[in-house]
Amino acid sequence: MDRTDRRILHELQQDGRLTNAELASRVDLTPSPCLRRVRQLEQDGVITGYRALLDGAAVGRAFQPFVTIVMRHEDRATVAEFEQRVARLPEVVEAHRLFGDPDYLLRIAVADIAAYERFVTDVLSGLPGIAQVNSLMTMKRVKADTGLPVVPERLP
């Protein structure tokens, strides 16, 4: 991956809806080689997809607490089942397995605190192997996900 590829990645992270012509202009290429590079980045798995970023309040998912999970049982089968079930829950928009305690960090997206209470009581607490569930309520978002730092001016 060279400087031009990094510039392409930077521009697409800023605006994934750029037309190929707009992208080519921004990275100083003609459209045909630009499109070839984008397709190669997709085939190589560097670009893993495209998506729209949504406003949680506008889609009824304004309440987004973080949850830490401490596992009681960490045998392979329990961990595998826990992770598979968590991955299928639409309310869980991010899930990370951590080193040490806690074992997992989840980001949940629900309508409000009442919906969150129902989710924890009816769904999350019923998952296998859980010893402890802790909720972290966000006061405000200081910085949202802005993509990975592939700023071309700072990279070799």
Protein backbone atom coordinates (compact mmCIF):
# COMPACT_ATOMS: atom_id res chain seq x y z
CA MET A 1 0.00 0.00 0.00
CA ASP A 2 1.51 3.30 -1.06
CA ARG A 3 0.80 6.96 -0.32
CA THR A 4 -1.93 7.15 -2.99
CA ASP A 5 -3.75 4.15 -1.48
CA ARG A 6 -3.57 5.83 1.92
CA ARG A 7 -4.98 9.03 0.44
CA ILE A 8 -7.83 7.02 -1.09
CA LEU A 9 -8.56 5.39 2.28
CA HIS A 10 -8.45 8.75 4.04
CA GLU A 11 -10.89 10.34 1.58
CA LEU A 12 -13.30 7.39 1.66
CA GLN A 13 -13.35 7.41 5.46
CA GLN A 14 -14.25 11.09 5.34
CA ASP A 15 -17.01 10.53 2.78
CA GLY A 16 -17.82 7.02 1.59
CA ARG A 17 -20.34 8.41 -0.91
CA LEU A 18 -17.76 10.13 -3.10
CA THR A 19 -18.15 9.32 -6.75
CA ASN A 20 -15.13 7.73 -8.37
CA ALA A 21 -14.56 10.95 -10.35
CA GLU A 22 -14.60 13.05 -7.15
CA LEU A 23 -12.30 10.62 -5.39
CA ALA A 24 -9.90 10.50 -8.33
CA SER A 25 -9.73 14.30 -8.38
CA ARG A 26 -8.99 14.47 -4.64
CA VAL A 27 -6.13 11.95 -4.87
CA ASP A 28 -4.69 13.30 -8.14
CA LEU A 29 -5.51 10.29 -10.32
CA THR A 30 -7.61 9.79 -13.39
CA PRO A 31 -10.86 7.86 -12.74
CA SER A 32 -9.81 4.53 -14.26
CA PRO A 33 -6.66 3.92 -12.14
CA CYS A 34 -8.49 5.26 -9.08
CA LEU A 35 -11.29 2.72 -9.53
CA ARG A 36 -8.74 -0.08 -10.01
CA ARG A 37 -7.04 0.88 -6.75
CA VAL A 38 -10.33 1.02 -4.82
CA ARG A 39 -11.35 -2.38 -6.16
CA GLN A 40 -7.95 -3.82 -5.22
CA LEU A 41 -8.25 -2.37 -1.69
CA GLU A 42 -11.68 -4.03 -1.45
CA GLN A 43 -10.40 -7.37 -2.77
CA ASP A 44 -7.42 -7.27 -0.38
CA GLY A 45 -9.80 -6.76 2.56
CA VAL A 46 -8.42 -3.34 3.44
CA ILE A 47 -11.82 -1.78 2.73
CA THR A 48 -14.26 -4.08 4.49
CA GLY A 49 -17.52 -2.29 3.65
CA TYR A 50 -19.49 0.92 3.41
CA ARG A 51 -22.29 2.16 5.64
CA ALA A 52 -24.37 5.14 6.67
CA LEU A 53 -23.85 6.59 10.14
CA LEU A 54 -27.20 7.08 11.88
CA ASP A 55 -28.43 9.40 14.60
CA GLY A 56 -29.49 7.15 17.48
CA ALA A 57 -32.33 9.44 18.58
CA ALA A 58 -33.76 9.59 15.08
CA VAL A 59 -34.05 5.80 14.88
CA GLY A 60 -35.27 5.17 18.43
CA ARG A 61 -31.88 4.10 19.84
CA ALA A 62 -30.82 7.24 21.73
CA PHE A 63 -29.78 5.46 24.94
CA GLN A 64 -26.36 3.85 24.41
CA PRO A 65 -24.69 2.70 27.62
CA PHE A 66 -21.52 0.65 27.83
CA VAL A 67 -21.64 -2.63 29.73
CA THR A 68 -18.79 -4.56 31.24
CA ILE A 69 -19.15 -8.29 31.75
CA VAL A 70 -17.16 -10.46 34.14
CA MET A 71 -17.44 -14.14 33.35
CA ARG A 72 -17.91 -16.79 36.03
CA HIS A 73 -16.92 -19.60 33.66
CA GLU A 74 -14.38 -19.08 30.91
CA ASP A 75 -14.12 -22.54 29.45
CA ARG A 76 -14.04 -22.70 25.67
CA ALA A 77 -17.62 -23.88 25.22
CA THR A 78 -19.11 -21.21 27.52
CA VAL A 79 -17.09 -18.41 25.94
CA ALA A 80 -17.99 -19.58 22.41
CA GLU A 81 -21.71 -19.77 23.23
CA PHE A 82 -21.66 -16.39 25.00
CA GLU A 83 -19.91 -14.71 22.06
CA GLN A 84 -22.21 -16.31 19.47
CA ARG A 85 -25.32 -15.21 21.35
CA VAL A 86 -24.01 -11.67 21.93
CA ALA A 87 -23.16 -11.36 18.23
CA ARG A 88 -26.80 -12.11 17.33
CA LEU A 89 -28.31 -9.46 19.64
CA PRO A 90 -29.31 -6.38 17.61
CA GLU A 91 -29.13 -4.18 20.73
CA VAL A 92 -25.40 -4.94 21.04
CA VAL A 93 -23.78 -2.64 18.50
CA GLU A 94 -20.20 -3.35 19.62
CA ALA A 95 -18.66 -6.17 21.62
CA HIS A 96 -15.03 -6.53 22.63
CA ARG A 97 -13.27 -9.29 24.54
CA LEU A 98 -10.73 -7.75 26.91
CA PHE A 99 -7.56 -8.89 28.64
CA GLY A 100 -7.98 -9.19 32.42
CA ASP A 101 -11.11 -8.05 34.27
CA PRO A 102 -13.65 -7.20 33.07
CA ASP A 103 -13.79 -9.83 30.37
CA TYR A 104 -16.04 -8.01 27.87
CA LEU A 105 -17.03 -4.48 26.96
CA LEU A 106 -20.33 -4.03 25.09
CA ARG A 107 -22.04 -0.96 23.67
CA ILE A 108 -25.79 -1.27 23.77
CA ALA A 109 -28.30 0.81 21.74
CA VAL A 110 -31.89 0.96 22.99
CA ALA A 111 -34.67 3.55 23.17
CA ASP A 112 -34.38 4.62 26.81
CA ILE A 113 -33.44 3.52 30.31
CA ALA A 114 -36.62 1.44 30.68
CA ALA A 115 -35.79 -0.50 27.52
CA TYR A 116 -32.24 -0.94 28.80
CA GLU A 117 -33.51 -2.32 32.13
CA ARG A 118 -35.67 -4.84 30.25
CA PHE A 119 -32.74 -5.81 28.02
CA VAL A 120 -30.43 -6.43 30.98
CA THR A 121 -33.06 -8.31 32.97
CA ASP A 122 -34.64 -10.35 30.20
CA VAL A 123 -31.75 -10.93 27.82
CA LEU A 124 -28.25 -10.08 28.99
CA SER A 125 -28.45 -11.66 32.44
CA GLY A 126 -29.63 -14.90 30.84
CA LEU A 127 -26.47 -15.39 28.78
CA PRO A 128 -24.20 -18.27 29.79
CA GLY A 129 -21.26 -17.89 32.16
CA ILE A 130 -21.91 -14.36 33.40
CA ALA A 131 -20.88 -13.52 36.96
CA GLN A 132 -21.30 -9.74 36.87
CA VAL A 133 -22.84 -7.05 34.67
CA ASN A 134 -21.87 -3.41 35.21
CA SER A 135 -23.44 -0.47 33.39
CA LEU A 136 -21.57 2.67 32.42
CA MET A 137 -23.81 5.56 31.45
CA THR A 138 -22.38 8.13 29.07
CA MET A 139 -22.66 11.77 30.12
CA LYS A 140 -21.83 13.01 26.62
CA ARG A 141 -19.96 11.87 23.54
CA VAL A 142 -16.71 13.77 23.32
CA LYS A 143 -15.52 12.18 20.08
CA ALA A 144 -17.34 9.81 17.77
CA ASP A 145 -15.72 7.14 15.63
CA THR A 146 -13.90 9.05 12.89
CA GLY A 147 -12.27 6.09 11.19
CA LEU A 148 -8.74 4.81 11.45
CA PRO A 149 -5.86 7.28 11.34
CA VAL A 150 -4.49 6.89 7.82
CA VAL A 151 -3.72 10.57 7.25
CA PRO A 152 -1.51 10.50 4.13
CA GLU A 153 0.56 13.52 5.12
CA ARG A 154 1.78 11.74 8.24
CA LEU A 155 2.45 8.33 6.73
CA PRO A 156 5.50 7.14 4.79
